[in-house]
Amino acid sequence: MKVIIAVDDSAYCKRVLETIAARKWPMDTAFRIMSVVEPIKWDEVENETWKDVTQQAFNRRKKMANQICAEGKEIIESKHPDCTAHIEVKEGNPRHEIIKSAVDWMADKILIGAHGHDLCDRFVWGGVSRAVAVKSPCSVEIVRPRALHPREAHNETAAESKADNALSHA
């Protein structure tokens, strides 16, 4: 089975990856953790300083995308050592590049995170996830991070607080 996991730089991305990794996958599953960095379109700006600034910003975003994908690879490989995971960072339009990658690699499934900032987002998908779901040549699953049970959330908050106290006293 070939599975593309499309990730971005959102705050909840790691939790989405952990949710995916917590599932049972066939031993021979190949994962492609990919991120697409959209270029900054300031070509018409004639000021060289602004061109340098936009290029630096783009390079930082691309570096962050590589870090996110590498972290995703570690998460997947630690939970599923019998599976393979690869990283792919592309430049361009995320909608097009994710679909193109699915076609080129002959993927069986695409997993893409849903931001889910509020109730409205649950009924109106984001532009990238909607486009991928509609135009993809394979199955697409829009993944939401696993919601913590109130007791788990309390324990997680308490653990973070305990770790912060330990650091402040060190």
C-alpha atoms as a PDB file:
ATOM      1  CA  MET A   1       0.000   0.000   0.000  1.00  0.00           C
ATOM      2  CA  LYS A   2       1.268   3.483  -0.879  1.00  0.00           C
ATOM      3  CA  VAL A   3       0.105   6.343   1.345  1.00  0.00           C
ATOM      4  CA  ILE A   4       0.814  10.048   0.961  1.00  0.00           C
ATOM      5  CA  ILE A   5       0.649  12.098   4.145  1.00  0.00           C
ATOM      6  CA  ALA A   6       0.349  15.771   3.229  1.00  0.00           C
ATOM      7  CA  VAL A   7       1.619  18.021   6.015  1.00  0.00           C
ATOM      8  CA  ASP A   8       1.960  21.747   6.508  1.00  0.00           C
ATOM      9  CA  ASP A   9       3.336  24.123   9.110  1.00  0.00           C
ATOM     10  CA  SER A  10       0.140  24.331  11.168  1.00  0.00           C
ATOM     11  CA  ALA A  11       0.289  24.115  14.938  1.00  0.00           C
ATOM     12  CA  TYR A  12      -1.591  20.814  15.071  1.00  0.00           C
ATOM     13  CA  CYS A  13       0.426  18.984  12.383  1.00  0.00           C
ATOM     14  CA  LYS A  14       2.407  16.854  14.860  1.00  0.00           C
ATOM     15  CA  ARG A  15      -0.800  15.645  16.489  1.00  0.00           C
ATOM     16  CA  VAL A  16      -2.205  14.686  13.064  1.00  0.00           C
ATOM     17  CA  LEU A  17       0.969  12.685  12.369  1.00  0.00           C
ATOM     18  CA  GLU A  18       0.707  10.964  15.759  1.00  0.00           C
ATOM     19  CA  THR A  19      -2.952  10.139  15.041  1.00  0.00           C
ATOM     20  CA  ILE A  20      -1.983   8.557  11.723  1.00  0.00           C
ATOM     21  CA  ALA A  21       0.954   6.677  13.267  1.00  0.00           C
ATOM     22  CA  ALA A  22      -1.267   5.251  16.018  1.00  0.00           C
ATOM     23  CA  ARG A  23      -3.275   3.293  13.423  1.00  0.00           C
ATOM     24  CA  LYS A  24      -2.547  -0.245  12.340  1.00  0.00           C
ATOM     25  CA  TRP A  25      -0.966  -0.365   8.867  1.00  0.00           C
ATOM     26  CA  PRO A  26       0.031  -3.380   6.738  1.00  0.00           C
ATOM     27  CA  MET A  27       3.713  -4.298   7.123  1.00  0.00           C
ATOM     28  CA  ASP A  28       4.630  -3.374   3.560  1.00  0.00           C
ATOM     29  CA  THR A  29       3.045   0.089   3.605  1.00  0.00           C
ATOM     30  CA  ALA A  30       5.152   2.806   2.016  1.00  0.00           C
ATOM     31  CA  PHE A  31       4.530   6.321   3.305  1.00  0.00           C
ATOM     32  CA  ARG A  32       5.458   9.517   1.515  1.00  0.00           C
ATOM     33  CA  ILE A  33       5.370  12.442   3.925  1.00  0.00           C
ATOM     34  CA  MET A  34       5.155  15.515   1.776  1.00  0.00           C
ATOM     35  CA  SER A  35       4.881  19.231   2.139  1.00  0.00           C
ATOM     36  CA  VAL A  36       4.450  21.841  -0.547  1.00  0.00           C
ATOM     37  CA  VAL A  37       5.908  25.301  -0.141  1.00  0.00           C
ATOM     38  CA  GLU A  38       4.079  27.903  -2.139  1.00  0.00           C
ATOM     39  CA  PRO A  39       6.377  30.493  -3.737  1.00  0.00           C
ATOM     40  CA  ILE A  40       6.012  34.113  -2.743  1.00  0.00           C
ATOM     41  CA  LYS A  41       4.887  36.006  -5.825  1.00  0.00           C
ATOM     42  CA  TRP A  42       6.634  39.336  -5.661  1.00  0.00           C
ATOM     43  CA  ASP A  43       8.323  39.076  -9.046  1.00  0.00           C
ATOM     44  CA  GLU A  44       7.042  42.444 -10.152  1.00  0.00           C
ATOM     45  CA  VAL A  45       8.775  44.211  -7.259  1.00  0.00           C
ATOM     46  CA  GLU A  46      11.784  46.022  -8.634  1.00  0.00           C
ATOM     47  CA  ASN A  47      13.349  46.734  -5.265  1.00  0.00           C
ATOM     48  CA  GLU A  48      16.267  44.298  -4.790  1.00  0.00           C
ATOM     49  CA  THR A  49      15.975  44.478  -0.999  1.00  0.00           C
ATOM     50  CA  TRP A  50      12.399  43.166  -1.105  1.00  0.00           C
ATOM     51  CA  LYS A  51      13.399  40.398  -3.503  1.00  0.00           C
ATOM     52  CA  ASP A  52      16.115  39.333  -1.051  1.00  0.00           C
ATOM     53  CA  VAL A  53      13.672  39.451   1.863  1.00  0.00           C
ATOM     54  CA  THR A  54      11.080  37.324   0.024  1.00  0.00           C
ATOM     55  CA  GLN A  55      13.750  34.814  -1.033  1.00  0.00           C
ATOM     56  CA  GLN A  56      14.973  34.525   2.561  1.00  0.00           C
ATOM     57  CA  ALA A  57      11.405  34.016   3.803  1.00  0.00           C
ATOM     58  CA  PHE A  58      10.805  31.342   1.162  1.00  0.00           C
ATOM     59  CA  ASN A  59      14.043  29.564   2.082  1.00  0.00           C
ATOM     60  CA  ARG A  60      13.057  29.575   5.794  1.00  0.00           C
ATOM     61  CA  ARG A  61       9.631  28.119   4.928  1.00  0.00           C
ATOM     62  CA  LYS A  62      11.262  25.408   2.811  1.00  0.00           C
ATOM     63  CA  LYS A  63      13.680  24.541   5.625  1.00  0.00           C
ATOM     64  CA  MET A  64      10.757  24.320   8.058  1.00  0.00           C
ATOM     65  CA  ALA A  65       8.881  22.049   5.627  1.00  0.00           C
ATOM     66  CA  ASN A  66      11.890  19.713   5.540  1.00  0.00           C
ATOM     67  CA  GLN A  67      12.012  19.662   9.348  1.00  0.00           C
ATOM     68  CA  ILE A  68       8.282  18.894   9.605  1.00  0.00           C
ATOM     69  CA  CYS A  69       8.595  16.051   7.087  1.00  0.00           C
ATOM     70  CA  ALA A  70      11.668  14.641   8.875  1.00  0.00           C
ATOM     71  CA  GLU A  71       9.803  14.706  12.176  1.00  0.00           C
ATOM     72  CA  GLY A  72       6.856  12.972  10.508  1.00  0.00           C
ATOM     73  CA  LYS A  73       9.169  10.299   9.137  1.00  0.00           C
ATOM     74  CA  GLU A  74      10.565   9.671  12.630  1.00  0.00           C
ATOM     75  CA  ILE A  75       7.066   9.405  14.115  1.00  0.00           C
ATOM     76  CA  ILE A  76       5.895   6.938  11.452  1.00  0.00           C
ATOM     77  CA  GLU A  77       9.070   4.830  11.517  1.00  0.00           C
ATOM     78  CA  SER A  78       9.101   4.611  15.324  1.00  0.00           C
ATOM     79  CA  LYS A  79       5.534   3.237  15.392  1.00  0.00           C
ATOM     80  CA  HIS A  80       5.850   1.093  12.237  1.00  0.00           C
ATOM     81  CA  PRO A  81       9.424  -0.188  11.808  1.00  0.00           C
ATOM     82  CA  ASP A  82       8.284  -2.684   9.137  1.00  0.00           C
ATOM     83  CA  CYS A  83       7.010   0.129   6.906  1.00  0.00           C
ATOM     84  CA  THR A  84       9.038   2.576   4.842  1.00  0.00           C
ATOM     85  CA  ALA A  85       8.732   6.337   4.973  1.00  0.00           C
ATOM     86  CA  HIS A  86      10.101   8.859   2.518  1.00  0.00           C
ATOM     87  CA  ILE A  87      10.154  12.642   2.527  1.00  0.00           C
ATOM     88  CA  GLU A  88       9.176  14.904  -0.337  1.00  0.00           C
ATOM     89  CA  VAL A  89       9.218  18.702  -0.243  1.00  0.00           C
ATOM     90  CA  LYS A  90       7.968  20.419  -3.361  1.00  0.00           C
ATOM     91  CA  GLU A  91       7.566  23.978  -4.518  1.00  0.00           C
ATOM     92  CA  GLY A  92       4.344  25.151  -6.104  1.00  0.00           C
ATOM     93  CA  ASN A  93       0.613  25.066  -5.575  1.00  0.00           C
ATOM     94  CA  PRO A  94      -0.225  22.527  -2.831  1.00  0.00           C
ATOM     95  CA  ARG A  95      -3.451  21.421  -4.531  1.00  0.00           C
ATOM     96  CA  HIS A  96      -1.704  20.580  -7.782  1.00  0.00           C
ATOM     97  CA  GLU A  97       1.503  19.145  -6.332  1.00  0.00           C
ATOM     98  CA  ILE A  98      -0.243  16.723  -3.950  1.00  0.00           C
ATOM     99  CA  ILE A  99      -2.448  15.387  -6.740  1.00  0.00           C
ATOM    100  CA  LYS A 100       0.498  15.214  -9.163  1.00  0.00           C
ATOM    101  CA  SER A 101       2.522  13.274  -6.604  1.00  0.00           C
ATOM    102  CA  ALA A 102      -0.371  10.820  -6.114  1.00  0.00           C
ATOM    103  CA  VAL A 103      -0.575  10.253  -9.878  1.00  0.00           C
ATOM    104  CA  ASP A 104       3.197   9.933 -10.387  1.00  0.00           C
ATOM    105  CA  TRP A 105       3.691   7.577  -7.427  1.00  0.00           C
ATOM    106  CA  MET A 106       0.423   5.685  -8.047  1.00  0.00           C
ATOM    107  CA  ALA A 107      -0.650   6.230  -4.436  1.00  0.00           C
ATOM    108  CA  ASP A 108      -3.480   4.193  -2.935  1.00  0.00           C
ATOM    109  CA  LYS A 109      -4.455   6.841  -0.408  1.00  0.00           C
ATOM    110  CA  ILE A 110      -3.834  10.448   0.575  1.00  0.00           C
ATOM    111  CA  LEU A 111      -4.124  11.557   4.192  1.00  0.00           C
ATOM    112  CA  ILE A 112      -4.418  15.296   4.641  1.00  0.00           C
ATOM    113  CA  GLY A 113      -5.069  17.281   7.799  1.00  0.00           C
ATOM    114  CA  ALA A 114      -8.103  19.467   8.325  1.00  0.00           C
ATOM    115  CA  HIS A 115      -7.518  22.644  10.258  1.00  0.00           C
ATOM    116  CA  GLY A 116     -10.893  22.604  12.027  1.00  0.00           C
ATOM    117  CA  HIS A 117     -10.482  26.010  13.668  1.00  0.00           C
ATOM    118  CA  ASP A 118     -14.182  26.305  14.395  1.00  0.00           C
ATOM    119  CA  LEU A 119     -17.554  24.691  13.735  1.00  0.00           C
ATOM    120  CA  CYS A 120     -17.913  26.359  10.324  1.00  0.00           C
ATOM    121  CA  ASP A 121     -14.722  24.657   9.092  1.00  0.00           C
ATOM    122  CA  ARG A 122     -16.277  21.272   9.750  1.00  0.00           C
ATOM    123  CA  PHE A 123     -18.891  22.044   7.094  1.00  0.00           C
ATOM    124  CA  VAL A 124     -16.766  24.065   4.685  1.00  0.00           C
ATOM    125  CA  TRP A 125     -13.416  22.395   4.033  1.00  0.00           C
ATOM    126  CA  GLY A 126     -10.302  24.339   3.354  1.00  0.00           C
ATOM    127  CA  GLY A 127      -9.328  24.969  -0.238  1.00  0.00           C
ATOM    128  CA  VAL A 128      -6.444  22.477  -0.398  1.00  0.00           C
ATOM    129  CA  SER A 129      -8.190  19.528   1.259  1.00  0.00           C
ATOM    130  CA  ARG A 130     -11.351  20.084  -0.794  1.00  0.00           C
ATOM    131  CA  ALA A 131      -9.448  20.273  -4.096  1.00  0.00           C
ATOM    132  CA  VAL A 132      -7.410  17.182  -3.277  1.00  0.00           C
ATOM    133  CA  ALA A 133     -10.529  15.232  -2.236  1.00  0.00           C
ATOM    134  CA  VAL A 134     -12.411  16.190  -5.399  1.00  0.00           C
ATOM    135  CA  LYS A 135      -9.625  15.742  -7.969  1.00  0.00           C
ATOM    136  CA  SER A 136      -7.490  12.952  -6.539  1.00  0.00           C
ATOM    137  CA  PRO A 137      -7.039   9.691  -8.460  1.00  0.00           C
ATOM    138  CA  CYS A 138      -7.156   7.707  -5.189  1.00  0.00           C
ATOM    139  CA  SER A 139      -8.923   7.647  -1.833  1.00  0.00           C
ATOM    140  CA  VAL A 140      -8.532  10.761   0.275  1.00  0.00           C
ATOM    141  CA  GLU A 141      -9.031  10.930   4.015  1.00  0.00           C
ATOM    142  CA  ILE A 142      -9.234  14.225   5.810  1.00  0.00           C
ATOM    143  CA  VAL A 143      -7.664  13.640   9.211  1.00  0.00           C
ATOM    144  CA  ARG A 144      -8.436  15.494  12.361  1.00  0.00           C
ATOM    145  CA  PRO A 145      -6.145  15.105  15.351  1.00  0.00           C
ATOM    146  CA  ARG A 146      -7.398  12.699  17.980  1.00  0.00           C
ATOM    147  CA  ALA A 147      -9.353  14.635  20.570  1.00  0.00           C
ATOM    148  CA  LEU A 148      -8.124  14.151  24.094  1.00  0.00           C
ATOM    149  CA  HIS A 149     -10.533  12.881  26.723  1.00  0.00           C
ATOM    150  CA  PRO A 150     -10.959  15.608  29.413  1.00  0.00           C
ATOM    151  CA  ARG A 151      -8.972  13.461  31.875  1.00  0.00           C
ATOM    152  CA  GLU A 152      -6.137  13.046  29.339  1.00  0.00           C
ATOM    153  CA  ALA A 153      -6.123  16.778  28.647  1.00  0.00           C
ATOM    154  CA  HIS A 154      -5.901  17.474  32.391  1.00  0.00           C
ATOM    155  CA  ASN A 155      -3.055  14.954  32.803  1.00  0.00           C
ATOM    156  CA  GLU A 156      -1.204  16.416  29.799  1.00  0.00           C
ATOM    157  CA  THR A 157      -1.549  19.945  31.202  1.00  0.00           C
ATOM    158  CA  ALA A 158      -0.378  18.773  34.646  1.00  0.00           C
ATOM    159  CA  ALA A 159       2.640  17.005  33.117  1.00  0.00           C
ATOM    160  CA  GLU A 160       3.590  20.115  31.141  1.00  0.00           C
ATOM    161  CA  SER A 161       3.246  22.243  34.268  1.00  0.00           C
ATOM    162  CA  LYS A 162       5.426  19.814  36.272  1.00  0.00           C
ATOM    163  CA  ALA A 163       8.095  19.878  33.531  1.00  0.00           C
ATOM    164  CA  ASP A 164       8.033  23.696  33.456  1.00  0.00           C
ATOM    165  CA  ASN A 165       8.500  23.810  37.246  1.00  0.00           C
ATOM    166  CA  ALA A 166      11.415  21.374  37.062  1.00  0.00           C
ATOM    167  CA  LEU A 167      13.102  23.539  34.440  1.00  0.00           C
ATOM    168  CA  SER A 168      12.577  26.750  36.377  1.00  0.00           C
ATOM    169  CA  HIS A 169      14.166  25.241  39.515  1.00  0.00           C
ATOM    170  CA  ALA A 170      17.130  23.789  37.660  1.00  0.00           C
END
